[in-house]
Amino acid sequence: MCVITMCCTYFLGIEGMAAAELELVVMCKIELSEVAAQRHHSAMSSRIILMALKMLQSSILFSKTKSFSPQRK
């Protein structure tokens, strides 16, 4: 687990990260995945991408809430 993920998990939890923080963590994981792929570590590369997708999935930014329906008059 990278340092950024550990710090965010400890202080805020992955679910409570702001959009900018979540974007930074996901972009870092994508870069780590590219480095792993360049070193011919395809299994590690795919695990890193899967972890990034799970982080996005568990974020409250993408959670389904009550849909707002405008009132008609």
C-alpha atoms as a PDB file:
ATOM      1  CA  MET A   1       0.000   0.000   0.000  1.00  0.00           C
ATOM      2  CA  CYS A   2       1.447   3.373  -0.926  1.00  0.00           C
ATOM      3  CA  VAL A   3       2.029   6.195   1.554  1.00  0.00           C
ATOM      4  CA  ILE A   4      -0.694   8.418   0.083  1.00  0.00           C
ATOM      5  CA  THR A   5      -3.298   5.690   0.434  1.00  0.00           C
ATOM      6  CA  MET A   6      -2.210   4.907   3.996  1.00  0.00           C
ATOM      7  CA  CYS A   7      -2.411   8.563   5.067  1.00  0.00           C
ATOM      8  CA  CYS A   8      -5.823   9.098   3.486  1.00  0.00           C
ATOM      9  CA  THR A   9      -7.135   5.871   4.983  1.00  0.00           C
ATOM     10  CA  TYR A  10      -5.859   6.765   8.450  1.00  0.00           C
ATOM     11  CA  PHE A  11      -7.144  10.333   8.606  1.00  0.00           C
ATOM     12  CA  LEU A  12     -10.257  10.402   6.433  1.00  0.00           C
ATOM     13  CA  GLY A  13     -10.982   6.964   5.181  1.00  0.00           C
ATOM     14  CA  ILE A  14     -11.106   6.304   1.499  1.00  0.00           C
ATOM     15  CA  GLU A  15     -14.825   7.009   1.414  1.00  0.00           C
ATOM     16  CA  GLY A  16     -14.401  10.510   2.847  1.00  0.00           C
ATOM     17  CA  MET A  17     -11.771  11.835   0.469  1.00  0.00           C
ATOM     18  CA  ALA A  18     -12.467  14.956  -1.512  1.00  0.00           C
ATOM     19  CA  ALA A  19     -12.612  14.736  -5.290  1.00  0.00           C
ATOM     20  CA  ALA A  20      -9.158  16.280  -5.759  1.00  0.00           C
ATOM     21  CA  GLU A  21      -7.565  13.898  -3.248  1.00  0.00           C
ATOM     22  CA  LEU A  22      -9.254  10.907  -4.823  1.00  0.00           C
ATOM     23  CA  GLU A  23      -8.077  12.018  -8.251  1.00  0.00           C
ATOM     24  CA  LEU A  24      -4.503  12.368  -6.997  1.00  0.00           C
ATOM     25  CA  VAL A  25      -4.496   8.903  -5.425  1.00  0.00           C
ATOM     26  CA  VAL A  26      -5.998   7.275  -8.518  1.00  0.00           C
ATOM     27  CA  MET A  27      -3.550   9.049 -10.831  1.00  0.00           C
ATOM     28  CA  CYS A  28      -0.637   7.895  -8.644  1.00  0.00           C
ATOM     29  CA  LYS A  29      -1.902   4.332  -8.797  1.00  0.00           C
ATOM     30  CA  ILE A  30      -2.186   4.547 -12.590  1.00  0.00           C
ATOM     31  CA  GLU A  31       1.434   5.752 -12.763  1.00  0.00           C
ATOM     32  CA  LEU A  32       2.529   2.893 -10.481  1.00  0.00           C
ATOM     33  CA  SER A  33       0.668   0.479 -12.716  1.00  0.00           C
ATOM     34  CA  GLU A  34       2.423   1.807 -15.815  1.00  0.00           C
ATOM     35  CA  VAL A  35       5.817   1.410 -14.138  1.00  0.00           C
ATOM     36  CA  ALA A  36       4.970  -2.158 -13.147  1.00  0.00           C
ATOM     37  CA  ALA A  37       3.865  -2.923 -16.704  1.00  0.00           C
ATOM     38  CA  GLN A  38       7.107  -1.493 -18.094  1.00  0.00           C
ATOM     39  CA  ARG A  39       9.019  -3.828 -15.783  1.00  0.00           C
ATOM     40  CA  HIS A  40       6.972  -6.768 -17.100  1.00  0.00           C
ATOM     41  CA  HIS A  41       5.052  -7.228 -13.841  1.00  0.00           C
ATOM     42  CA  SER A  42       1.625  -7.573 -15.418  1.00  0.00           C
ATOM     43  CA  ALA A  43       0.024  -9.228 -12.372  1.00  0.00           C
ATOM     44  CA  MET A  44       1.106  -6.379 -10.097  1.00  0.00           C
ATOM     45  CA  SER A  45       0.015  -3.828 -12.675  1.00  0.00           C
ATOM     46  CA  SER A  46      -3.477  -5.284 -12.892  1.00  0.00           C
ATOM     47  CA  ARG A  47      -3.780  -5.490  -9.085  1.00  0.00           C
ATOM     48  CA  ILE A  48      -2.889  -1.811  -8.759  1.00  0.00           C
ATOM     49  CA  ILE A  49      -5.522  -0.827 -11.337  1.00  0.00           C
ATOM     50  CA  LEU A  50      -8.096  -3.034  -9.639  1.00  0.00           C
ATOM     51  CA  MET A  51      -7.333  -1.356  -6.307  1.00  0.00           C
ATOM     52  CA  ALA A  52      -7.810   2.071  -7.900  1.00  0.00           C
ATOM     53  CA  LEU A  53     -11.161   1.016  -9.368  1.00  0.00           C
ATOM     54  CA  LYS A  54     -12.310  -0.324  -5.996  1.00  0.00           C
ATOM     55  CA  MET A  55     -11.338   2.988  -4.395  1.00  0.00           C
ATOM     56  CA  LEU A  56     -13.459   4.845  -6.915  1.00  0.00           C
ATOM     57  CA  GLN A  57     -16.322   2.443  -6.389  1.00  0.00           C
ATOM     58  CA  SER A  58     -16.282   2.841  -2.598  1.00  0.00           C
ATOM     59  CA  SER A  59     -16.096   6.645  -2.707  1.00  0.00           C
ATOM     60  CA  ILE A  60     -19.098   8.643  -1.537  1.00  0.00           C
ATOM     61  CA  LEU A  61     -18.705  10.825  -4.629  1.00  0.00           C
ATOM     62  CA  PHE A  62     -20.225   8.049  -6.712  1.00  0.00           C
ATOM     63  CA  SER A  63     -22.730   6.706  -4.207  1.00  0.00           C
ATOM     64  CA  LYS A  64     -26.359   6.617  -5.173  1.00  0.00           C
ATOM     65  CA  THR A  65     -28.393   9.063  -3.141  1.00  0.00           C
ATOM     66  CA  LYS A  66     -31.949  10.175  -3.387  1.00  0.00           C
ATOM     67  CA  SER A  67     -32.421  11.616  -6.808  1.00  0.00           C
ATOM     68  CA  PHE A  68     -33.487  15.213  -6.868  1.00  0.00           C
ATOM     69  CA  SER A  69     -36.692  15.710  -8.751  1.00  0.00           C
ATOM     70  CA  PRO A  70     -37.753  19.295  -9.348  1.00  0.00           C
ATOM     71  CA  GLN A  71     -41.262  20.134  -8.207  1.00  0.00           C
ATOM     72  CA  ARG A  72     -43.682  20.984 -10.952  1.00  0.00           C
ATOM     73  CA  LYS A  73     -46.174  23.733 -10.397  1.00  0.00           C
END
